[in-house]
């Protein structure tokens, strides 16, 4: 019986970890996709376009390195990135 409970506990822990990782990936991806869209809408060769391209690259790198983040850094992403996307969409009529 205790073995079943332990197996269930490990399963739930693993499932929670996978769900958190997926949510982190979605948060990071939504930011870089938003900057990608903004870059495409900006005039080619403009400072604004270069800045959006730079930010897109930055957030793509964040997504690639999510596994290297501490728990606190992950928590910050989960809290701040959705707000960033919402703000960018609102400011830019997306």
PDB file of N, CA and C in Angstrom:
ATOM      1  N   UNK A   1       0.812  -1.190   0.000  1.00  0.00           N
ATOM      2  CA  UNK A   1       0.000   0.000   0.000  1.00  0.00           C
ATOM      3  C   UNK A   1       0.863   1.265   0.000  1.00  0.00           C
ATOM      4  N   UNK A   2       1.878   1.288   0.840  1.00  0.00           N
ATOM      5  CA  UNK A   2       2.771   2.447   0.912  1.00  0.00           C
ATOM      6  C   UNK A   2       3.507   2.637  -0.403  1.00  0.00           C
ATOM      7  N   UNK A   3       3.792   1.546  -1.069  1.00  0.00           N
ATOM      8  CA  UNK A   3       4.484   1.613  -2.360  1.00  0.00           C
ATOM      9  C   UNK A   3       3.590   2.299  -3.403  1.00  0.00           C
ATOM     10  N   UNK A   4       2.316   1.981  -3.392  1.00  0.00           N
ATOM     11  CA  UNK A   4       1.366   2.634  -4.309  1.00  0.00           C
ATOM     12  C   UNK A   4       1.256   4.125  -4.017  1.00  0.00           C
ATOM     13  N   UNK A   5       1.218   4.476  -2.756  1.00  0.00           N
ATOM     14  CA  UNK A   5       1.131   5.890  -2.374  1.00  0.00           C
ATOM     15  C   UNK A   5       2.380   6.645  -2.814  1.00  0.00           C
ATOM     16  N   UNK A   6       3.520   6.016  -2.658  1.00  0.00           N
ATOM     17  CA  UNK A   6       4.785   6.642  -3.075  1.00  0.00           C
ATOM     18  C   UNK A   6       4.810   6.817  -4.593  1.00  0.00           C
ATOM     19  N   UNK A   7       4.375   5.826  -5.317  1.00  0.00           N
ATOM     20  CA  UNK A   7       4.330   5.895  -6.775  1.00  0.00           C
ATOM     21  C   UNK A   7       3.365   7.009  -7.219  1.00  0.00           C
ATOM     22  N   UNK A   8       2.236   7.105  -6.571  1.00  0.00           N
ATOM     23  CA  UNK A   8       1.258   8.148  -6.880  1.00  0.00           C
ATOM     24  C   UNK A   8       1.831   9.531  -6.577  1.00  0.00           C
ATOM     25  N   UNK A   9       2.504   9.663  -5.457  1.00  0.00           N
ATOM     26  CA  UNK A   9       3.118  10.937  -5.084  1.00  0.00           C
ATOM     27  C   UNK A   9       4.159  11.358  -6.121  1.00  0.00           C
ATOM     28  N   UNK A  10       5.015  10.432  -6.519  1.00  0.00           N
ATOM     29  CA  UNK A  10       6.045  10.737  -7.513  1.00  0.00           C
ATOM     30  C   UNK A  10       5.414  11.112  -8.851  1.00  0.00           C
ATOM     31  N   UNK A  11       4.358  10.401  -9.215  1.00  0.00           N
ATOM     32  CA  UNK A  11       3.658  10.695 -10.458  1.00  0.00           C
ATOM     33  C   UNK A  11       3.104  12.113 -10.432  1.00  0.00           C
ATOM     34  N   UNK A  12       2.464  12.475  -9.345  1.00  0.00           N
ATOM     35  CA  UNK A  12       1.878  13.821  -9.223  1.00  0.00           C
ATOM     36  C   UNK A  12       2.948  14.907  -9.224  1.00  0.00           C
ATOM     37  N   UNK A  13       4.058  14.644  -8.556  1.00  0.00           N
ATOM     38  CA  UNK A  13       5.161  15.609  -8.554  1.00  0.00           C
ATOM     39  C   UNK A  13       5.704  15.805  -9.967  1.00  0.00           C
ATOM     40  N   UNK A  14       5.872  14.701 -10.673  1.00  0.00           N
ATOM     41  CA  UNK A  14       6.393  14.768 -12.035  1.00  0.00           C
ATOM     42  C   UNK A  14       5.413  15.493 -12.954  1.00  0.00           C
ATOM     43  N   UNK A  15       4.139  15.217 -12.798  1.00  0.00           N
ATOM     44  CA  UNK A  15       3.113  15.880 -13.598  1.00  0.00           C
ATOM     45  C   UNK A  15       3.101  17.384 -13.322  1.00  0.00           C
ATOM     46  N   UNK A  16       3.194  17.769 -12.070  1.00  0.00           N
ATOM     47  CA  UNK A  16       3.229  19.194 -11.711  1.00  0.00           C
ATOM     48  C   UNK A  16       4.461  19.873 -12.307  1.00  0.00           C
ATOM     49  N   UNK A  17       5.586  19.187 -12.275  1.00  0.00           N
ATOM     50  CA  UNK A  17       6.825  19.739 -12.842  1.00  0.00           C
ATOM     51  C   UNK A  17       6.680  19.933 -14.354  1.00  0.00           C
ATOM     52  N   UNK A  18       6.108  18.942 -15.031  1.00  0.00           N
ATOM     53  CA  UNK A  18       5.925  19.045 -16.481  1.00  0.00           C
ATOM     54  C   UNK A  18       4.961  20.175 -16.838  1.00  0.00           C
ATOM     55  N   UNK A  19       3.899  20.316 -16.073  1.00  0.00           N
ATOM     56  CA  UNK A  19       2.940  21.393 -16.333  1.00  0.00           C
ATOM     57  C   UNK A  19       3.569  22.763 -16.130  1.00  0.00           C
ATOM     58  N   UNK A  20       4.397  22.894 -15.118  1.00  0.00           N
ATOM     59  CA  UNK A  20       5.094  24.159 -14.864  1.00  0.00           C
ATOM     60  C   UNK A  20       6.043  24.474 -16.026  1.00  0.00           C
ATOM     61  N   UNK A  21       6.791  23.478 -16.476  1.00  0.00           N
ATOM     62  CA  UNK A  21       7.716  23.682 -17.591  1.00  0.00           C
ATOM     63  C   UNK A  21       6.969  24.102 -18.852  1.00  0.00           C
ATOM     64  N   UNK A  22       5.832  23.465 -19.112  1.00  0.00           N
ATOM     65  CA  UNK A  22       5.027  23.829 -20.280  1.00  0.00           C
ATOM     66  C   UNK A  22       4.505  25.258 -20.166  1.00  0.00           C
ATOM     67  N   UNK A  23       4.084  25.639 -18.980  1.00  0.00           N
ATOM     68  CA  UNK A  23       3.581  26.998 -18.770  1.00  0.00           C
ATOM     69  C   UNK A  23       4.704  28.019 -18.952  1.00  0.00           C
ATOM     70  N   UNK A  24       5.891  27.704 -18.453  1.00  0.00           N
ATOM     71  CA  UNK A  24       7.042  28.589 -18.646  1.00  0.00           C
ATOM     72  C   UNK A  24       7.346  28.749 -20.136  1.00  0.00           C
ATOM     73  N   UNK A  25       7.324  27.646 -20.865  1.00  0.00           N
ATOM     74  CA  UNK A  25       7.586  27.704 -22.305  1.00  0.00           C
ATOM     75  C   UNK A  25       6.550  28.569 -23.010  1.00  0.00           C
ATOM     76  N   UNK A  26       5.278  28.408 -22.658  1.00  0.00           N
ATOM     77  CA  UNK A  26       4.225  29.218 -23.277  1.00  0.00           C
ATOM     78  C   UNK A  26       4.408  30.699 -22.968  1.00  0.00           C
ATOM     79  N   UNK A  27       4.778  31.013 -21.737  1.00  0.00           N
ATOM     80  CA  UNK A  27       4.987  32.420 -21.358  1.00  0.00           C
ATOM     81  C   UNK A  27       6.126  33.035 -22.164  1.00  0.00           C
ATOM     82  N   UNK A  28       7.257  32.336 -22.221  1.00  0.00           N
ATOM     83  CA  UNK A  28       8.407  32.861 -22.956  1.00  0.00           C
ATOM     84  C   UNK A  28       8.095  32.963 -24.445  1.00  0.00           C
ATOM     85  N   UNK A  29       7.457  31.947 -24.990  1.00  0.00           N
ATOM     86  CA  UNK A  29       7.140  31.944 -26.413  1.00  0.00           C
ATOM     87  C   UNK A  29       6.163  33.074 -26.757  1.00  0.00           C
ATOM     88  N   UNK A  30       5.213  33.326 -25.903  1.00  0.00           N
ATOM     89  CA  UNK A  30       4.236  34.379 -26.208  1.00  0.00           C
ATOM     90  C   UNK A  30       4.904  35.748 -26.264  1.00  0.00           C
ATOM     91  N   UNK A  31       5.923  35.962 -25.436  1.00  0.00           N
ATOM     92  CA  UNK A  31       6.626  37.251 -25.478  1.00  0.00           C
ATOM     93  C   UNK A  31       7.413  37.376 -26.773  1.00  0.00           C
ATOM     94  N   UNK A  32       8.192  36.344 -27.122  1.00  0.00           N
ATOM     95  CA  UNK A  32       9.003  36.517 -28.337  1.00  0.00           C
ATOM     96  C   UNK A  32       8.144  36.534 -29.588  1.00  0.00           C
ATOM     97  N   UNK A  33       7.013  35.831 -29.586  1.00  0.00           N
ATOM     98  CA  UNK A  33       6.123  35.909 -30.742  1.00  0.00           C
ATOM     99  C   UNK A  33       5.488  37.291 -30.861  1.00  0.00           C
ATOM    100  N   UNK A  34       5.200  37.913 -29.738  1.00  0.00           N
ATOM    101  CA  UNK A  34       4.660  39.269 -29.763  1.00  0.00           C
ATOM    102  C   UNK A  34       5.689  40.231 -30.343  1.00  0.00           C
ATOM    103  N   UNK A  35       6.939  40.100 -29.900  1.00  0.00           N
ATOM    104  CA  UNK A  35       7.985  40.972 -30.463  1.00  0.00           C
ATOM    105  C   UNK A  35       8.229  40.663 -31.935  1.00  0.00           C
ATOM    106  N   UNK A  36       8.082  39.418 -32.331  1.00  0.00           N
ATOM    107  CA  UNK A  36       8.226  39.067 -33.743  1.00  0.00           C
ATOM    108  C   UNK A  36       7.154  39.779 -34.575  1.00  0.00           C
ATOM    109  N   UNK A  37       5.935  39.753 -34.081  1.00  0.00           N
ATOM    110  CA  UNK A  37       4.841  40.427 -34.776  1.00  0.00           C
ATOM    111  C   UNK A  37       5.081  41.931 -34.844  1.00  0.00           C
ATOM    112  N   UNK A  38       5.534  42.508 -33.746  1.00  0.00           N
ATOM    113  CA  UNK A  38       5.819  43.943 -33.736  1.00  0.00           C
ATOM    114  C   UNK A  38       6.946  44.286 -34.708  1.00  0.00           C
ATOM    115  N   UNK A  39       7.950  43.437 -34.771  1.00  0.00           N
ATOM    116  CA  UNK A  39       9.052  43.673 -35.711  1.00  0.00           C
ATOM    117  C   UNK A  39       8.551  43.642 -37.145  1.00  0.00           C
ATOM    118  N   UNK A  40       7.674  42.705 -37.444  1.00  0.00           N
ATOM    119  CA  UNK A  40       7.132  42.603 -38.805  1.00  0.00           C
ATOM    120  C   UNK A  40       6.286  43.818 -39.170  1.00  0.00           C
ATOM    121  N   UNK A  41       5.657  44.413 -38.178  1.00  0.00           N
ATOM    122  CA  UNK A  41       4.813  45.579 -38.427  1.00  0.00           C
ATOM    123  C   UNK A  41       5.618  46.873 -38.520  1.00  0.00           C
ATOM    124  N   UNK A  42       6.828  46.865 -37.950  1.00  0.00           N
ATOM    125  CA  UNK A  42       7.670  48.069 -37.970  1.00  0.00           C
ATOM    126  C   UNK A  42       8.320  48.228 -39.345  1.00  0.00           C
ATOM    127  N   UNK A  43       8.677  49.446 -39.647  1.00  0.00           N
ATOM    128  CA  UNK A  43       9.310  49.736 -40.926  1.00  0.00           C
ATOM    129  C   UNK A  43      10.684  49.074 -40.992  1.00  0.00           C
ATOM    130  N   UNK A  44      10.934  48.414 -42.106  1.00  0.00           N
ATOM    131  CA  UNK A  44      12.209  47.728 -42.283  1.00  0.00           C
ATOM    132  C   UNK A  44      13.363  48.728 -42.219  1.00  0.00           C
ATOM    133  N   UNK A  45      14.374  48.375 -41.445  1.00  0.00           N
ATOM    134  CA  UNK A  45      15.548  49.224 -41.298  1.00  0.00           C
ATOM    135  C   UNK A  45      15.417  50.286 -40.217  1.00  0.00           C
ATOM    136  N   UNK A  46      14.254  50.411 -39.608  1.00  0.00           N
ATOM    137  CA  UNK A  46      14.053  51.435 -38.589  1.00  0.00           C
ATOM    138  C   UNK A  46      14.665  51.011 -37.253  1.00  0.00           C
ATOM    139  N   UNK A  47      14.911  52.002 -36.408  1.00  0.00           N
ATOM    140  CA  UNK A  47      15.410  51.716 -35.060  1.00  0.00           C
ATOM    141  C   UNK A  47      14.413  50.858 -34.291  1.00  0.00           C
ATOM    142  N   UNK A  48      13.139  51.139 -34.489  1.00  0.00           N
ATOM    143  CA  UNK A  48      12.097  50.373 -33.815  1.00  0.00           C
ATOM    144  C   UNK A  48      12.173  48.896 -34.232  1.00  0.00           C
ATOM    145  N   UNK A  49      12.347  48.656 -35.511  1.00  0.00           N
ATOM    146  CA  UNK A  49      12.455  47.274 -36.017  1.00  0.00           C
ATOM    147  C   UNK A  49      13.663  46.583 -35.414  1.00  0.00           C
ATOM    148  N   UNK A  50      14.785  47.262 -35.355  1.00  0.00           N
ATOM    149  CA  UNK A  50      15.995  46.672 -34.779  1.00  0.00           C
ATOM    150  C   UNK A  50      15.796  46.349 -33.300  1.00  0.00           C
ATOM    151  N   UNK A  51      15.122  47.242 -32.590  1.00  0.00           N
ATOM    152  CA  UNK A  51      14.869  47.013 -31.168  1.00  0.00           C
ATOM    153  C   UNK A  51      13.935  45.823 -30.969  1.00  0.00           C
ATOM    154  N   UNK A  52      12.893  45.725 -31.768  1.00  0.00           N
ATOM    155  CA  UNK A  52      11.990  44.583 -31.657  1.00  0.00           C
ATOM    156  C   UNK A  52      12.708  43.280 -32.014  1.00  0.00           C
ATOM    157  N   UNK A  53      13.547  43.320 -33.028  1.00  0.00           N
ATOM    158  CA  UNK A  53      14.331  42.126 -33.396  1.00  0.00           C
ATOM    159  C   UNK A  53      15.256  41.717 -32.250  1.00  0.00           C
ATOM    160  N   UNK A  54      15.893  42.704 -31.625  1.00  0.00           N
ATOM    161  CA  UNK A  54      16.797  42.421 -30.501  1.00  0.00           C
ATOM    162  C   UNK A  54      16.025  41.790 -29.341  1.00  0.00           C
ATOM    163  N   UNK A  55      14.875  42.356 -29.029  1.00  0.00           N
ATOM    164  CA  UNK A  55      14.070  41.827 -27.931  1.00  0.00           C
ATOM    165  C   UNK A  55      13.536  40.434 -28.256  1.00  0.00           C
ATOM    166  N   UNK A  56      13.154  40.219 -29.495  1.00  0.00           N
ATOM    167  CA  UNK A  56      12.709  38.885 -29.908  1.00  0.00           C
ATOM    168  C   UNK A  56      13.838  37.872 -29.692  1.00  0.00           C
ATOM    169  N   UNK A  57      15.038  38.209 -30.107  1.00  0.00           N
ATOM    170  CA  UNK A  57      16.181  37.321 -29.917  1.00  0.00           C
ATOM    171  C   UNK A  57      16.433  37.042 -28.440  1.00  0.00           C
ATOM    172  N   UNK A  58      16.310  38.088 -27.624  1.00  0.00           N
ATOM    173  CA  UNK A  58      16.522  37.923 -26.186  1.00  0.00           C
ATOM    174  C   UNK A  58      15.533  36.921 -25.598  1.00  0.00           C
ATOM    175  N   UNK A  59      14.258  37.097 -25.916  1.00  0.00           N
ATOM    176  CA  UNK A  59      13.244  36.223 -25.333  1.00  0.00           C
ATOM    177  C   UNK A  59      13.282  34.810 -25.930  1.00  0.00           C
ATOM    178  N   UNK A  60      13.767  34.667 -27.144  1.00  0.00           N
ATOM    179  CA  UNK A  60      13.977  33.324 -27.696  1.00  0.00           C
ATOM    180  C   UNK A  60      15.080  32.621 -26.907  1.00  0.00           C
ATOM    181  N   UNK A  61      16.120  33.372 -26.561  1.00  0.00           N
ATOM    182  CA  UNK A  61      17.213  32.800 -25.759  1.00  0.00           C
ATOM    183  C   UNK A  61      16.716  32.404 -24.376  1.00  0.00           C
ATOM    184  N   UNK A  62      15.844  33.217 -23.798  1.00  0.00           N
ATOM    185  CA  UNK A  62      15.262  32.868 -22.500  1.00  0.00           C
ATOM    186  C   UNK A  62      14.530  31.536 -22.621  1.00  0.00           C
ATOM    187  N   UNK A  63      13.719  31.391 -23.669  1.00  0.00           N
ATOM    188  CA  UNK A  63      12.968  30.146 -23.844  1.00  0.00           C
ATOM    189  C   UNK A  63      13.904  28.942 -23.985  1.00  0.00           C
ATOM    190  N   UNK A  64      14.980  29.118 -24.722  1.00  0.00           N
ATOM    191  CA  UNK A  64      15.937  28.008 -24.910  1.00  0.00           C
ATOM    192  C   UNK A  64      16.622  27.618 -23.607  1.00  0.00           C
ATOM    193  N   UNK A  65      16.717  28.543 -22.664  1.00  0.00           N
ATOM    194  CA  UNK A  65      17.468  28.295 -21.436  1.00  0.00           C
ATOM    195  C   UNK A  65      16.582  28.169 -20.193  1.00  0.00           C
ATOM    196  N   UNK A  66      15.320  27.883 -20.369  1.00  0.00           N
ATOM    197  CA  UNK A  66      14.415  27.780 -19.232  1.00  0.00           C
ATOM    198  C   UNK A  66      14.859  26.744 -18.214  1.00  0.00           C
ATOM    199  N   UNK A  67      15.447  25.670 -18.673  1.00  0.00           N
ATOM    200  CA  UNK A  67      15.854  24.601 -17.751  1.00  0.00           C
ATOM    201  C   UNK A  67      16.990  25.030 -16.833  1.00  0.00           C
ATOM    202  N   UNK A  68      17.679  26.111 -17.193  1.00  0.00           N
ATOM    203  CA  UNK A  68      18.796  26.600 -16.381  1.00  0.00           C
ATOM    204  C   UNK A  68      18.360  27.602 -15.310  1.00  0.00           C
ATOM    205  N   UNK A  69      17.104  27.986 -15.325  1.00  0.00           N
ATOM    206  CA  UNK A  69      16.628  29.016 -14.397  1.00  0.00           C
ATOM    207  C   UNK A  69      16.363  28.440 -13.011  1.00  0.00           C
ATOM    208  N   UNK A  70      16.526  29.305 -12.018  1.00  0.00           N
ATOM    209  CA  UNK A  70      16.172  28.919 -10.658  1.00  0.00           C
ATOM    210  C   UNK A  70      14.649  28.937 -10.519  1.00  0.00           C
ATOM    211  N   UNK A  71      14.165  28.379  -9.448  1.00  0.00           N
ATOM    212  CA  UNK A  71      12.722  28.378  -9.176  1.00  0.00           C
ATOM    213  C   UNK A  71      12.197  29.814  -9.103  1.00  0.00           C
ATOM    214  N   UNK A  72      12.959  30.697  -8.469  1.00  0.00           N
ATOM    215  CA  UNK A  72      12.549  32.091  -8.329  1.00  0.00           C
ATOM    216  C   UNK A  72      12.484  32.798  -9.684  1.00  0.00           C
ATOM    217  N   UNK A  73      13.466  32.528 -10.547  1.00  0.00           N
ATOM    218  CA  UNK A  73      13.454  33.137 -11.881  1.00  0.00           C
ATOM    219  C   UNK A  73      12.243  32.643 -12.678  1.00  0.00           C
ATOM    220  N   UNK A  74      11.943  31.368 -12.551  1.00  0.00           N
ATOM    221  CA  UNK A  74      10.763  30.819 -13.207  1.00  0.00           C
ATOM    222  C   UNK A  74       9.486  31.454 -12.695  1.00  0.00           C
ATOM    223  N   UNK A  75       9.415  31.634 -11.385  1.00  0.00           N
ATOM    224  CA  UNK A  75       8.244  32.288 -10.791  1.00  0.00           C
ATOM    225  C   UNK A  75       8.069  33.703 -11.331  1.00  0.00           C
ATOM    226  N   UNK A  76       9.176  34.403 -11.495  1.00  0.00           N
ATOM    227  CA  UNK A  76       9.133  35.773 -12.018  1.00  0.00           C
ATOM    228  C   UNK A  76       8.607  35.781 -13.457  1.00  0.00           C
ATOM    229  N   UNK A  77       9.055  34.834 -14.257  1.00  0.00           N
ATOM    230  CA  UNK A  77       8.573  34.727 -15.635  1.00  0.00           C
ATOM    231  C   UNK A  77       7.073  34.467 -15.656  1.00  0.00           C
ATOM    232  N   UNK A  78       6.635  33.543 -14.817  1.00  0.00           N
ATOM    233  CA  UNK A  78       5.211  33.207 -14.775  1.00  0.00           C
ATOM    234  C   UNK A  78       4.355  34.397 -14.350  1.00  0.00           C
ATOM    235  N   UNK A  79       4.921  35.265 -13.549  1.00  0.00           N
ATOM    236  CA  UNK A  79       4.184  36.438 -13.087  1.00  0.00           C
ATOM    237  C   UNK A  79       4.274  37.604 -14.071  1.00  0.00           C
ATOM    238  N   UNK A  80       5.468  37.870 -14.581  1.00  0.00           N
ATOM    239  CA  UNK A  80       5.698  39.090 -15.354  1.00  0.00           C
ATOM    240  C   UNK A  80       5.426  38.967 -16.854  1.00  0.00           C
ATOM    241  N   UNK A  81       5.735  37.838 -17.459  1.00  0.00           N
ATOM    242  CA  UNK A  81       5.618  37.737 -18.910  1.00  0.00           C
ATOM    243  C   UNK A  81       4.182  37.881 -19.421  1.00  0.00           C
ATOM    244  N   UNK A  82       3.193  37.255 -18.782  1.00  0.00           N
ATOM    245  CA  UNK A  82       1.822  37.487 -19.270  1.00  0.00           C
ATOM    246  C   UNK A  82       1.419  38.962 -19.183  1.00  0.00           C
ATOM    247  N   UNK A  83       1.863  39.647 -18.163  1.00  0.00           N
ATOM    248  CA  UNK A  83       1.573  41.082 -18.035  1.00  0.00           C
ATOM    249  C   UNK A  83       2.262  41.872 -19.145  1.00  0.00           C
ATOM    250  N   UNK A  84       3.488  41.485 -19.484  1.00  0.00           N
ATOM    251  CA  UNK A  84       4.222  42.153 -20.555  1.00  0.00           C
ATOM    252  C   UNK A  84       3.495  41.987 -21.884  1.00  0.00           C
ATOM    253  N   UNK A  85       3.062  40.778 -22.181  1.00  0.00           N
ATOM    254  CA  UNK A  85       2.345  40.528 -23.430  1.00  0.00           C
ATOM    255  C   UNK A  85       1.054  41.350 -23.469  1.00  0.00           C
ATOM    256  N   UNK A  86       0.327  41.360 -22.385  1.00  0.00           N
ATOM    257  CA  UNK A  86      -0.915  42.123 -22.322  1.00  0.00           C
ATOM    258  C   UNK A  86      -0.652  43.610 -22.564  1.00  0.00           C
ATOM    259  N   UNK A  87       0.405  44.129 -21.946  1.00  0.00           N
ATOM    260  CA  UNK A  87       0.742  45.542 -22.117  1.00  0.00           C
ATOM    261  C   UNK A  87       1.139  45.845 -23.573  1.00  0.00           C
ATOM    262  N   UNK A  88       1.987  44.984 -24.144  1.00  0.00           N
ATOM    263  CA  UNK A  88       2.421  45.196 -25.517  1.00  0.00           C
ATOM    264  C   UNK A  88       1.248  45.128 -26.497  1.00  0.00           C
ATOM    265  N   UNK A  89       0.365  44.177 -26.281  1.00  0.00           N
ATOM    266  CA  UNK A  89      -0.798  44.064 -27.157  1.00  0.00           C
ATOM    267  C   UNK A  89      -1.691  45.294 -27.044  1.00  0.00           C
ATOM    268  N   UNK A  90      -1.890  45.759 -25.827  1.00  0.00           N
ATOM    269  CA  UNK A  90      -2.712  46.943 -25.621  1.00  0.00           C
ATOM    270  C   UNK A  90      -2.112  48.193 -26.230  1.00  0.00           C
ATOM    271  N   UNK A  91      -0.816  48.373 -26.040  1.00  0.00           N
ATOM    272  CA  UNK A  91      -0.141  49.573 -26.539  1.00  0.00           C
ATOM    273  C   UNK A  91      -0.054  49.584 -28.067  1.00  0.00           C
ATOM    274  N   UNK A  92      -0.055  48.404 -28.664  1.00  0.00           N
ATOM    275  CA  UNK A  92       0.175  48.326 -30.106  1.00  0.00           C
ATOM    276  C   UNK A  92      -1.039  47.846 -30.897  1.00  0.00           C
ATOM    277  N   UNK A  93      -2.168  47.740 -30.241  1.00  0.00           N
ATOM    278  CA  UNK A  93      -3.400  47.357 -30.921  1.00  0.00           C
ATOM    279  C   UNK A  93      -3.369  45.975 -31.530  1.00  0.00           C
ATOM    280  N   UNK A  94      -2.776  45.041 -30.823  1.00  0.00           N
ATOM    281  CA  UNK A  94      -2.714  43.659 -31.335  1.00  0.00           C
ATOM    282  C   UNK A  94      -3.903  42.846 -30.851  1.00  0.00           C
TER     283      UNK A  94
END
